[in-house]
Amino acid sequence: MFKLCDVNFMSNDMKIDVCSIESKLFVPSLVIQNKEFINAIEYFIEEIIKYESSGEVRNSSQSEDNAAVKAIKSYANMLSEKINDQDALQVLDSLRHAFTSYAFNGLHQLYTRQENECWYPKIILNEVLTPNDIDSLPEIIQLYRGCSVNEYESGDYGQAWTTSIDRAKDFAYNHYQGQDWFNIKDRIVLDTKYSRDNVLFSDQSIEFEVVVDVSKLGKVNKYT
């Protein structure tokens, strides 16, 4: 579907699970637009690489969009005028958001500003993301996660956990209530202990998030 160079860029630089995009583009409601979306993603990557090759240093404090962000937004706006389907527009908006986030301030912004209320490219961290506050964590961390019962039963855990039980309960029972798929009977809070040495990212403000390497999770329990 995608050119190998684009797959490598998304996988290695953006840490995107490319299958999460490919599978989405072939749902029935998007078949008509999938070629246009593939072309759009190829263009987004070209613009990011061109910007990175220019030698200009990203500056997260700047208020003005850089050249890559402007190009991606312009292309997405042009494409949105040709689309009438709401599902397709939602996917296009998620792609625009992901690629402009990365173009603006790299992987840190892409990961920390991702939107998970609806479909969004899946990001899987496999290396430490900086800046972070990992050093502020204890050697063994008590972690919590609000998620679906199916996640617990399958053992297919997400990477984002929290040191705050209140935040975990919020994500389990409140945060997603406006979504069509939400069913409070299908929600649960999990807890586990995890080594600081294996943490990939931490931000102990607002959501008190800790990103884990799921292959190094120990025993995970239902929180009671």
Protein backbone atom coordinates (compact mmCIF):
# COMPACT_ATOMS: atom_id res chain seq x y z
CA MET A 1 0.00 0.00 0.00
CA PHE A 2 2.56 2.57 1.13
CA LYS A 3 6.04 2.90 -0.34
CA LEU A 4 8.67 1.17 1.78
CA CYS A 5 10.41 4.46 2.55
CA ASP A 6 7.14 5.89 3.91
CA VAL A 7 6.48 2.77 5.99
CA ASN A 8 9.98 3.08 7.46
CA PHE A 9 9.50 6.77 8.25
CA MET A 10 6.18 6.20 10.00
CA SER A 11 7.43 3.14 11.87
CA ASN A 12 10.92 4.28 12.84
CA ASP A 13 10.63 8.06 13.17
CA MET A 14 6.98 8.60 14.10
CA LYS A 15 6.57 5.27 15.96
CA ILE A 16 3.24 4.74 14.21
CA ASP A 17 1.83 1.24 13.87
CA VAL A 18 1.31 1.44 10.11
CA CYS A 19 -1.22 -1.41 10.25
CA SER A 20 -3.47 0.87 12.30
CA ILE A 21 -3.66 3.19 9.28
CA GLU A 22 -3.76 0.56 6.54
CA SER A 23 -6.59 -1.39 8.17
CA LYS A 24 -8.60 1.79 8.71
CA LEU A 25 -8.31 2.91 5.08
CA PHE A 26 -9.96 -0.29 3.87
CA VAL A 27 -13.14 -0.15 5.92
CA PRO A 28 -16.14 0.05 3.52
CA SER A 29 -16.87 3.70 4.20
CA LEU A 30 -13.33 4.76 3.19
CA VAL A 31 -12.63 2.58 0.15
CA ILE A 32 -13.52 5.41 -2.23
CA GLN A 33 -11.07 7.81 -0.59
CA ASN A 34 -8.24 5.46 0.42
CA LYS A 35 -6.04 6.21 -2.58
CA GLU A 36 -6.38 9.93 -1.93
CA PHE A 37 -5.48 9.37 1.72
CA ILE A 38 -2.42 7.33 0.76
CA ASN A 39 -1.30 10.13 -1.58
CA ALA A 40 -1.91 12.65 1.20
CA ILE A 41 0.22 10.74 3.69
CA GLU A 42 3.04 10.41 1.13
CA TYR A 43 2.85 14.18 0.61
CA PHE A 44 2.84 14.86 4.38
CA ILE A 45 5.99 12.77 4.80
CA GLU A 46 7.71 14.46 1.86
CA GLU A 47 7.05 17.86 3.39
CA ILE A 48 8.31 16.79 6.82
CA ILE A 49 11.51 15.34 5.37
CA LYS A 50 12.04 18.47 3.25
CA TYR A 51 11.63 20.64 6.35
CA GLU A 52 13.95 18.48 8.45
CA SER A 53 16.55 18.55 5.67
CA SER A 54 16.47 22.34 5.58
CA GLY A 55 18.41 22.53 8.82
CA GLU A 56 15.78 24.64 10.55
CA VAL A 57 15.48 23.71 14.22
CA ARG A 58 12.03 22.99 15.60
CA ASN A 59 10.96 25.45 18.26
CA SER A 60 7.97 24.40 20.33
CA SER A 61 7.63 27.90 21.80
CA GLN A 62 7.10 29.57 18.44
CA SER A 63 3.58 30.69 17.62
CA GLU A 64 3.88 30.51 13.84
CA ASP A 65 3.57 27.22 11.96
CA ASN A 66 6.68 26.01 10.22
CA ALA A 67 6.74 25.26 6.47
CA ALA A 68 5.85 21.59 6.86
CA VAL A 69 2.88 22.29 9.12
CA LYS A 70 1.57 24.91 6.70
CA ALA A 71 1.92 22.54 3.73
CA ILE A 72 0.16 19.68 5.52
CA LYS A 73 -2.72 21.88 6.69
CA SER A 74 -3.15 23.36 3.21
CA TYR A 75 -3.23 19.95 1.55
CA ALA A 76 -5.66 18.54 4.13
CA ASN A 77 -7.97 21.54 3.70
CA MET A 78 -7.91 21.11 -0.08
CA LEU A 79 -8.73 17.41 0.23
CA SER A 80 -11.50 18.01 2.78
CA GLU A 81 -13.35 20.19 0.25
CA LYS A 82 -13.64 17.15 -2.04
CA ILE A 83 -15.05 14.83 0.66
CA ASN A 84 -18.68 14.71 1.76
CA ASP A 85 -18.58 11.59 3.95
CA GLN A 86 -18.32 12.40 7.68
CA ASP A 87 -16.38 9.24 8.57
CA ALA A 88 -13.80 10.05 5.90
CA LEU A 89 -13.52 13.64 7.11
CA GLN A 90 -12.95 12.43 10.67
CA VAL A 91 -10.13 10.14 9.53
CA LEU A 92 -8.59 12.93 7.46
CA ASP A 93 -8.72 15.25 10.46
CA SER A 94 -6.95 12.65 12.62
CA LEU A 95 -4.25 12.18 9.99
CA ARG A 96 -3.83 15.95 9.67
CA HIS A 97 -3.54 16.29 13.44
CA ALA A 98 -0.97 13.49 13.76
CA PHE A 99 1.29 14.67 10.96
CA THR A 100 1.14 18.36 11.87
CA SER A 101 1.95 17.47 15.48
CA TYR A 102 5.03 15.59 14.38
CA ALA A 103 5.99 18.30 11.90
CA PHE A 104 5.68 20.98 14.58
CA ASN A 105 7.69 19.43 17.41
CA GLY A 106 8.65 15.88 16.53
CA LEU A 107 7.77 12.68 18.34
CA HIS A 108 7.25 14.36 21.71
CA GLN A 109 4.34 16.44 20.43
CA LEU A 110 2.92 13.58 18.34
CA TYR A 111 2.78 11.30 21.36
CA THR A 112 1.70 13.76 24.04
CA ARG A 113 -0.94 15.49 21.89
CA GLN A 114 -2.50 12.40 20.34
CA GLU A 115 -6.31 12.25 20.36
CA ASN A 116 -7.83 8.96 21.45
CA GLU A 117 -11.53 9.77 21.69
CA CYS A 118 -12.05 8.52 18.12
CA TRP A 119 -9.87 6.76 15.56
CA TYR A 120 -6.26 7.91 15.55
CA PRO A 121 -3.05 6.33 14.20
CA LYS A 122 -1.70 4.01 16.90
CA ILE A 123 1.62 5.16 18.33
CA ILE A 124 3.88 2.58 19.99
CA LEU A 125 6.90 3.90 21.85
CA ASN A 126 9.91 1.57 21.82
CA GLU A 127 12.53 3.97 23.17
CA VAL A 128 12.69 6.63 25.87
CA LEU A 129 10.91 9.83 24.90
CA THR A 130 12.47 13.09 26.06
CA PRO A 131 12.01 15.44 27.77
CA ASN A 132 10.48 13.52 30.66
CA ASP A 133 10.48 13.38 34.45
CA ILE A 134 11.32 9.69 34.87
CA ASP A 135 13.92 10.53 37.54
CA SER A 136 11.14 11.81 39.81
CA LEU A 137 9.57 8.35 40.02
CA PRO A 138 10.34 5.78 42.74
CA GLU A 139 12.36 2.70 41.78
CA ILE A 140 9.22 0.55 41.89
CA ILE A 141 6.11 2.40 40.72
CA GLN A 142 2.48 1.67 41.60
CA LEU A 143 0.54 2.11 38.35
CA TYR A 144 -3.12 2.14 37.37
CA ARG A 145 -4.98 2.02 34.06
CA GLY A 146 -8.62 2.62 33.17
CA CYS A 147 -9.63 0.48 30.20
CA SER A 148 -12.05 -2.11 28.87
CA VAL A 149 -12.63 -5.50 30.47
CA ASN A 150 -11.57 -7.04 27.16
CA GLU A 151 -8.08 -5.57 27.55
CA TYR A 152 -7.69 -7.32 30.89
CA GLU A 153 -9.09 -10.62 29.62
CA SER A 154 -6.92 -10.62 26.48
CA GLY A 155 -3.76 -9.38 28.19
CA ASP A 156 -3.24 -6.98 25.29
CA TYR A 157 -2.45 -3.94 27.44
CA GLY A 158 -1.95 -0.38 26.33
CA GLN A 159 1.25 1.52 27.10
CA ALA A 160 -0.25 4.50 28.91
CA TRP A 161 -0.69 4.06 32.66
CA THR A 162 -0.91 6.54 35.51
CA THR A 163 0.35 6.92 39.07
CA SER A 164 -3.02 8.44 40.02
CA ILE A 165 -5.90 6.15 40.90
CA ASP A 166 -8.32 9.06 40.43
CA ARG A 167 -7.10 9.63 36.86
CA ALA A 168 -7.38 5.92 36.11
CA LYS A 169 -10.97 5.89 37.37
CA ASP A 170 -11.73 8.95 35.26
CA PHE A 171 -10.44 7.22 32.10
CA ALA A 172 -12.33 4.07 33.01
CA TYR A 173 -15.73 5.53 33.86
CA ASN A 174 -16.01 9.19 32.78
CA HIS A 175 -13.59 10.38 30.12
CA TYR A 176 -15.13 8.52 27.17
CA GLN A 177 -18.82 8.71 28.12
CA GLY A 178 -19.63 10.80 25.05
CA GLN A 179 -18.38 8.12 22.65
CA ASP A 180 -20.82 5.79 20.88
CA TRP A 181 -18.83 2.71 21.88
CA PHE A 182 -18.78 3.53 25.61
CA ASN A 183 -20.41 0.98 27.93
CA ILE A 184 -19.77 1.56 31.62
CA LYS A 185 -20.37 -2.16 32.31
CA ASP A 186 -17.38 -2.93 30.07
CA ARG A 187 -14.98 -0.67 31.96
CA ILE A 188 -12.41 -1.56 34.60
CA VAL A 189 -9.42 -0.20 36.53
CA LEU A 190 -6.20 -2.23 36.58
CA ASP A 191 -3.14 -1.95 38.79
CA THR A 192 0.42 -3.24 38.67
CA LYS A 193 3.90 -2.57 39.98
CA TYR A 194 6.55 -1.57 37.46
CA SER A 195 10.28 -0.83 37.45
CA ARG A 196 11.41 2.73 36.80
CA ASP A 197 14.30 1.32 34.76
CA ASN A 198 11.83 0.19 32.07
CA VAL A 199 9.79 3.42 31.82
CA LEU A 200 9.71 4.96 28.34
CA PHE A 201 8.12 8.29 29.28
CA SER A 202 6.70 10.06 32.32
CA ASP A 203 4.85 13.32 32.84
CA GLN A 204 3.75 13.67 36.44
CA SER A 205 1.37 16.54 35.83
CA ILE A 206 -2.31 16.63 34.89
CA GLU A 207 -2.71 12.93 33.97
CA PHE A 208 0.35 11.66 35.89
CA GLU A 209 1.16 9.49 32.89
CA VAL A 210 3.75 6.72 32.77
CA VAL A 211 4.42 4.92 29.48
CA VAL A 212 5.54 1.33 29.84
CA ASP A 213 7.12 -1.35 27.69
CA VAL A 214 4.21 -3.80 27.82
CA SER A 215 6.55 -6.77 27.32
CA LYS A 216 8.03 -5.95 30.74
CA LEU A 217 4.77 -5.73 32.65
CA GLY A 218 4.54 -8.08 35.59
CA LYS A 219 1.33 -9.27 37.23
CA VAL A 220 -1.65 -7.08 36.37
CA ASN A 221 -4.65 -7.10 38.70
CA LYS A 222 -8.17 -5.78 38.79
CA TYR A 223 -8.10 -2.82 41.15
CA THR A 224 -10.33 -3.27 44.16
